[in-house]
PDB file of N, CA and C in Angstrom:
ATOM      1  N   MET A   1      51.204  33.190  -2.173  1.00  0.00           N
ATOM      2  CA  MET A   1      50.506  33.516  -3.022  1.00  0.00           C
ATOM      3  C   MET A   1      50.006  32.414  -4.171  1.00  0.00           C
ATOM      4  N   GLY A   2      49.207  31.875  -4.762  1.00  0.00           N
ATOM      5  CA  GLY A   2      49.153  31.152  -5.412  1.00  0.00           C
ATOM      6  C   GLY A   2      48.408  29.926  -4.987  1.00  0.00           C
ATOM      7  N   GLN A   3      48.380  30.191  -3.576  1.00  0.00           N
ATOM      8  CA  GLN A   3      47.386  28.765  -2.786  1.00  0.00           C
ATOM      9  C   GLN A   3      46.208  29.003  -2.921  1.00  0.00           C
ATOM     10  N   ARG A   4      45.441  27.918  -3.010  1.00  0.00           N
ATOM     11  CA  ARG A   4      43.579  27.633  -3.439  1.00  0.00           C
ATOM     12  C   ARG A   4      43.596  27.421  -2.064  1.00  0.00           C
ATOM     13  N   TRP A   5      42.649  28.052  -1.484  1.00  0.00           N
ATOM     14  CA  TRP A   5      41.640  27.355  -0.619  1.00  0.00           C
ATOM     15  C   TRP A   5      41.542  26.167  -0.415  1.00  0.00           C
ATOM     16  N   PRO A   6      41.249  25.712   0.700  1.00  0.00           N
ATOM     17  CA  PRO A   6      41.082  24.349   0.558  1.00  0.00           C
ATOM     18  C   PRO A   6      38.876  24.058   0.318  1.00  0.00           C
ATOM     19  N   SER A   7      39.142  23.368  -0.406  1.00  0.00           N
ATOM     20  CA  SER A   7      37.956  22.820  -1.385  1.00  0.00           C
ATOM     21  C   SER A   7      36.329  23.035  -0.300  1.00  0.00           C
ATOM     22  N   ALA A   8      36.800  22.464   1.188  1.00  0.00           N
ATOM     23  CA  ALA A   8      35.644  22.827   2.222  1.00  0.00           C
ATOM     24  C   ALA A   8      35.382  24.265   2.345  1.00  0.00           C
ATOM     25  N   LEU A   9      36.311  25.138   2.047  1.00  0.00           N
ATOM     26  CA  LEU A   9      35.967  26.882   2.522  1.00  0.00           C
ATOM     27  C   LEU A   9      35.520  27.497   0.770  1.00  0.00           C
ATOM     28  N   ALA A  10      36.142  26.875  -0.100  1.00  0.00           N
ATOM     29  CA  ALA A  10      35.708  27.271  -1.408  1.00  0.00           C
ATOM     30  C   ALA A  10      34.588  27.215  -1.897  1.00  0.00           C
ATOM     31  N   SER A  11      33.783  25.960  -1.795  1.00  0.00           N
ATOM     32  CA  SER A  11      32.462  25.750  -1.905  1.00  0.00           C
ATOM     33  C   SER A  11      31.696  25.369  -0.748  1.00  0.00           C
ATOM     34  N   PRO A  12      30.235  25.958  -0.998  1.00  0.00           N
ATOM     35  CA  PRO A  12      29.359  25.650   0.396  1.00  0.00           C
ATOM     36  C   PRO A  12      29.302  24.147  -0.332  1.00  0.00           C
ATOM     37  N   THR A  13      28.648  23.379   1.141  1.00  0.00           N
ATOM     38  CA  THR A  13      28.463  21.998   1.455  1.00  0.00           C
ATOM     39  C   THR A  13      27.352  21.874   0.916  1.00  0.00           C
ATOM     40  N   THR A  14      27.125  20.849  -0.321  1.00  0.00           N
ATOM     41  CA  THR A  14      26.289  20.520  -0.969  1.00  0.00           C
ATOM     42  C   THR A  14      25.298  19.721  -0.119  1.00  0.00           C
ATOM     43  N   GLY A  15      23.992  19.712  -0.149  1.00  0.00           N
ATOM     44  CA  GLY A  15      22.972  18.596   0.248  1.00  0.00           C
ATOM     45  C   GLY A  15      22.386  19.627   1.527  1.00  0.00           C
ATOM     46  N   GLU A  16      23.379  20.677   1.927  1.00  0.00           N
ATOM     47  CA  GLU A  16      22.731  21.158   3.500  1.00  0.00           C
ATOM     48  C   GLU A  16      21.761  22.622   3.094  1.00  0.00           C
ATOM     49  N   GLN A  17      20.241  22.016   3.549  1.00  0.00           N
ATOM     50  CA  GLN A  17      19.359  23.027   2.987  1.00  0.00           C
ATOM     51  C   GLN A  17      19.353  24.190   4.392  1.00  0.00           C
ATOM     52  N   GLY A  18      19.763  23.816   5.429  1.00  0.00           N
ATOM     53  CA  GLY A  18      19.588  24.709   6.887  1.00  0.00           C
ATOM     54  C   GLY A  18      18.220  24.250   7.300  1.00  0.00           C
ATOM     55  N   ASP A  19      18.023  24.924   8.068  1.00  0.00           N
ATOM     56  CA  ASP A  19      17.039  24.796   9.130  1.00  0.00           C
ATOM     57  C   ASP A  19      15.869  25.915   9.204  1.00  0.00           C
ATOM     58  N   VAL A  20      15.684  25.842   8.020  1.00  0.00           N
ATOM     59  CA  VAL A  20      14.519  26.994   7.907  1.00  0.00           C
ATOM     60  C   VAL A  20      13.528  27.084   8.767  1.00  0.00           C
ATOM     61  N   PRO A  21      12.824  25.784   9.130  1.00  0.00           N
ATOM     62  CA  PRO A  21      11.432  25.850  10.060  1.00  0.00           C
ATOM     63  C   PRO A  21      11.843  26.215  11.401  1.00  0.00           C
ATOM     64  N   GLY A  22      13.234  25.736  11.917  1.00  0.00           N
ATOM     65  CA  GLY A  22      13.525  26.012  13.080  1.00  0.00           C
ATOM     66  C   GLY A  22      13.967  27.298  13.328  1.00  0.00           C
ATOM     67  N   TRP A  23      14.468  28.099  12.659  1.00  0.00           N
ATOM     68  CA  TRP A  23      14.932  29.488  12.701  1.00  0.00           C
ATOM     69  C   TRP A  23      13.490  30.698  12.387  1.00  0.00           C
ATOM     70  N   VAL A  24      12.262  29.647  11.972  1.00  0.00           N
ATOM     71  CA  VAL A  24      11.397  30.760  11.598  1.00  0.00           C
ATOM     72  C   VAL A  24      10.555  30.595  12.977  1.00  0.00           C
ATOM     73  N   LEU A  25      10.576  29.461  13.415  1.00  0.00           N
ATOM     74  CA  LEU A  25       9.960  29.252  15.073  1.00  0.00           C
ATOM     75  C   LEU A  25      10.997  30.211  16.256  1.00  0.00           C
ATOM     76  N   VAL A  26      12.323  30.238  15.994  1.00  0.00           N
ATOM     77  CA  VAL A  26      12.896  31.008  16.857  1.00  0.00           C
ATOM     78  C   VAL A  26      12.546  32.390  16.801  1.00  0.00           C
ATOM     79  N   THR A  27      12.426  33.176  15.355  1.00  0.00           N
ATOM     80  CA  THR A  27      12.309  34.311  15.295  1.00  0.00           C
ATOM     81  C   THR A  27      10.323  34.850  16.071  1.00  0.00           C
ATOM     82  N   LEU A  28       9.600  33.881  15.709  1.00  0.00           N
ATOM     83  CA  LEU A  28       8.358  33.846  16.035  1.00  0.00           C
ATOM     84  C   LEU A  28       8.201  33.923  17.731  1.00  0.00           C
ATOM     85  N   MET A  29       9.145  32.977  18.426  1.00  0.00           N
ATOM     86  CA  MET A  29       8.946  32.573  19.514  1.00  0.00           C
ATOM     87  C   MET A  29       9.623  34.085  20.300  1.00  0.00           C
ATOM     88  N   THR A  30      10.766  34.601  19.596  1.00  0.00           N
ATOM     89  CA  THR A  30      11.319  35.551  20.058  1.00  0.00           C
ATOM     90  C   THR A  30      10.321  37.159  20.110  1.00  0.00           C
ATOM     91  N   ALA A  31      10.079  37.034  18.705  1.00  0.00           N
ATOM     92  CA  ALA A  31       8.788  38.507  18.781  1.00  0.00           C
ATOM     93  C   ALA A  31       7.581  37.942  19.652  1.00  0.00           C
ATOM     94  N   GLY A  32       7.491  36.845  20.228  1.00  0.00           N
ATOM     95  CA  GLY A  32       6.120  36.890  21.114  1.00  0.00           C
ATOM     96  C   GLY A  32       6.616  36.879  22.846  1.00  0.00           C
ATOM     97  N   LEU A  33       7.929  36.630  22.860  1.00  0.00           N
ATOM     98  CA  LEU A  33       8.498  37.218  24.452  1.00  0.00           C
ATOM     99  C   LEU A  33       8.476  38.516  24.281  1.00  0.00           C
ATOM    100  N   ILE A  34       9.225  39.249  23.357  1.00  0.00           N
ATOM    101  CA  ILE A  34       9.386  40.648  23.331  1.00  0.00           C
ATOM    102  C   ILE A  34       7.723  41.380  23.854  1.00  0.00           C
ATOM    103  N   ILE A  35       6.553  40.786  22.837  1.00  0.00           N
ATOM    104  CA  ILE A  35       5.390  41.412  23.339  1.00  0.00           C
ATOM    105  C   ILE A  35       5.187  40.938  24.526  1.00  0.00           C
ATOM    106  N   ALA A  36       4.926  39.803  24.943  1.00  0.00           N
ATOM    107  CA  ALA A  36       4.848  39.781  26.142  1.00  0.00           C
ATOM    108  C   ALA A  36       5.504  40.410  27.224  1.00  0.00           C
ATOM    109  N   ILE A  37       6.807  40.690  27.291  1.00  0.00           N
ATOM    110  CA  ILE A  37       7.437  41.358  28.122  1.00  0.00           C
ATOM    111  C   ILE A  37       7.442  42.773  28.191  1.00  0.00           C
ATOM    112  N   TRP A  38       6.877  43.507  26.855  1.00  0.00           N
ATOM    113  CA  TRP A  38       6.762  44.587  26.705  1.00  0.00           C
ATOM    114  C   TRP A  38       5.153  45.238  27.222  1.00  0.00           C
ATOM    115  N   ALA A  39       4.225  44.321  26.988  1.00  0.00           N
ATOM    116  CA  ALA A  39       3.160  44.297  27.858  1.00  0.00           C
ATOM    117  C   ALA A  39       3.021  44.745  29.054  1.00  0.00           C
ATOM    118  N   VAL A  40       4.052  43.490  30.000  1.00  0.00           N
ATOM    119  CA  VAL A  40       3.804  43.656  30.975  1.00  0.00           C
ATOM    120  C   VAL A  40       4.622  44.802  31.399  1.00  0.00           C
ATOM    121  N   ALA A  41       6.072  45.294  31.226  1.00  0.00           N
ATOM    122  CA  ALA A  41       6.659  46.047  31.623  1.00  0.00           C
ATOM    123  C   ALA A  41       6.575  47.495  31.114  1.00  0.00           C
ATOM    124  N   GLY A  42       5.560  47.402  29.529  1.00  0.00           N
ATOM    125  CA  GLY A  42       5.417  48.909  29.010  1.00  0.00           C
ATOM    126  C   GLY A  42       5.113  50.188  29.810  1.00  0.00           C
ATOM    127  N   PRO A  43       4.243  49.970  30.612  1.00  0.00           N
ATOM    128  CA  PRO A  43       3.664  50.997  31.490  1.00  0.00           C
ATOM    129  C   PRO A  43       4.764  51.600  32.223  1.00  0.00           C
ATOM    130  N   ALA A  44       5.479  50.758  33.229  1.00  0.00           N
ATOM    131  CA  ALA A  44       6.558  50.701  34.191  1.00  0.00           C
ATOM    132  C   ALA A  44       7.587  51.631  33.076  1.00  0.00           C
ATOM    133  N   LEU A  45       8.222  51.265  31.876  1.00  0.00           N
ATOM    134  CA  LEU A  45       9.226  51.737  31.392  1.00  0.00           C
ATOM    135  C   LEU A  45       8.586  53.327  30.799  1.00  0.00           C
ATOM    136  N   VAL A  46       7.314  53.555  30.339  1.00  0.00           N
ATOM    137  CA  VAL A  46       7.204  54.624  29.840  1.00  0.00           C
ATOM    138  C   VAL A  46       6.956  55.794  31.422  1.00  0.00           C
ATOM    139  N   ASN A  47       6.604  55.268  32.393  1.00  0.00           N
ATOM    140  CA  ASN A  47       6.396  56.010  33.675  1.00  0.00           C
ATOM    141  C   ASN A  47       8.076  56.628  33.993  1.00  0.00           C
ATOM    142  N   LEU A  48       8.808  55.198  33.641  1.00  0.00           N
ATOM    143  CA  LEU A  48      10.229  55.909  34.066  1.00  0.00           C
ATOM    144  C   LEU A  48      10.952  57.195  33.259  1.00  0.00           C
ATOM    145  N   PHE A  49      10.560  56.783  31.633  1.00  0.00           N
ATOM    146  CA  PHE A  49      10.887  57.787  30.691  1.00  0.00           C
ATOM    147  C   PHE A  49      10.423  59.008  31.302  1.00  0.00           C
ATOM    148  N   ASN A  50       9.417  58.980  31.530  1.00  0.00           N
ATOM    149  CA  ASN A  50       8.721  60.700  31.875  1.00  0.00           C
ATOM    150  C   ASN A  50       9.324  61.128  33.114  1.00  0.00           C
ATOM    151  N   THR A  51       9.464  60.338  34.088  1.00  0.00           N
ATOM    152  CA  THR A  51      10.089  60.744  35.188  1.00  0.00           C
ATOM    153  C   THR A  51      11.656  61.543  34.708  1.00  0.00           C
ATOM    154  N   ALA A  52      12.073  60.690  34.259  1.00  0.00           N
ATOM    155  CA  ALA A  52      13.178  61.165  33.735  1.00  0.00           C
ATOM    156  C   ALA A  52      13.229  62.552  33.267  1.00  0.00           C
ATOM    157  N   ILE A  53      12.682  62.708  31.818  1.00  0.00           N
ATOM    158  CA  ILE A  53      12.624  63.739  30.826  1.00  0.00           C
ATOM    159  C   ILE A  53      12.010  64.857  32.140  1.00  0.00           C
ATOM    160  N   GLU A  54      11.015  64.808  32.676  1.00  0.00           N
ATOM    161  CA  GLU A  54      10.736  66.077  33.940  1.00  0.00           C
ATOM    162  C   GLU A  54      12.042  66.565  34.720  1.00  0.00           C
ATOM    163  N   LYS A  55      12.560  65.419  35.057  1.00  0.00           N
ATOM    164  CA  LYS A  55      13.798  66.009  35.922  1.00  0.00           C
ATOM    165  C   LYS A  55      14.519  66.337  35.242  1.00  0.00           C
ATOM    166  N   VAL A  56      14.883  66.127  33.848  1.00  0.00           N
ATOM    167  CA  VAL A  56      15.823  66.928  33.155  1.00  0.00           C
ATOM    168  C   VAL A  56      15.479  68.238  32.818  1.00  0.00           C
ATOM    169  N   ALA A  57      13.924  68.155  32.324  1.00  0.00           N
ATOM    170  CA  ALA A  57      13.244  69.086  32.205  1.00  0.00           C
ATOM    171  C   ALA A  57      13.374  70.627  33.181  1.00  0.00           C
ATOM    172  N   GLY A  58      13.405  69.999  34.372  1.00  0.00           N
ATOM    173  CA  GLY A  58      13.488  70.754  35.620  1.00  0.00           C
ATOM    174  C   GLY A  58      14.836  71.604  35.808  1.00  0.00           C
ATOM    175  N   LEU A  59      15.701  71.003  34.843  1.00  0.00           N
ATOM    176  CA  LEU A  59      17.045  71.474  35.479  1.00  0.00           C
ATOM    177  C   LEU A  59      17.628  72.336  34.476  1.00  0.00           C
ATOM    178  N   LEU A  60      16.713  72.536  33.343  1.00  0.00           N
ATOM    179  CA  LEU A  60      17.504  73.427  31.998  1.00  0.00           C
ATOM    180  C   LEU A  60      16.534  74.858  32.645  1.00  0.00           C
TER     181      LEU A  60
END
């Protein structure tokens, strides 16, 4: 008790703004990849889902 955190942990580093444009680019590229993959694999995934539901519904 009574110990203080080192100054590096107690206060944020001054002068560091972060890499906001980099994170925006990563976010946009990730969204683009998801849209592209969904466009290619979407019909197959819908077919797979419908087949699975039909099999489960047939068992009930």
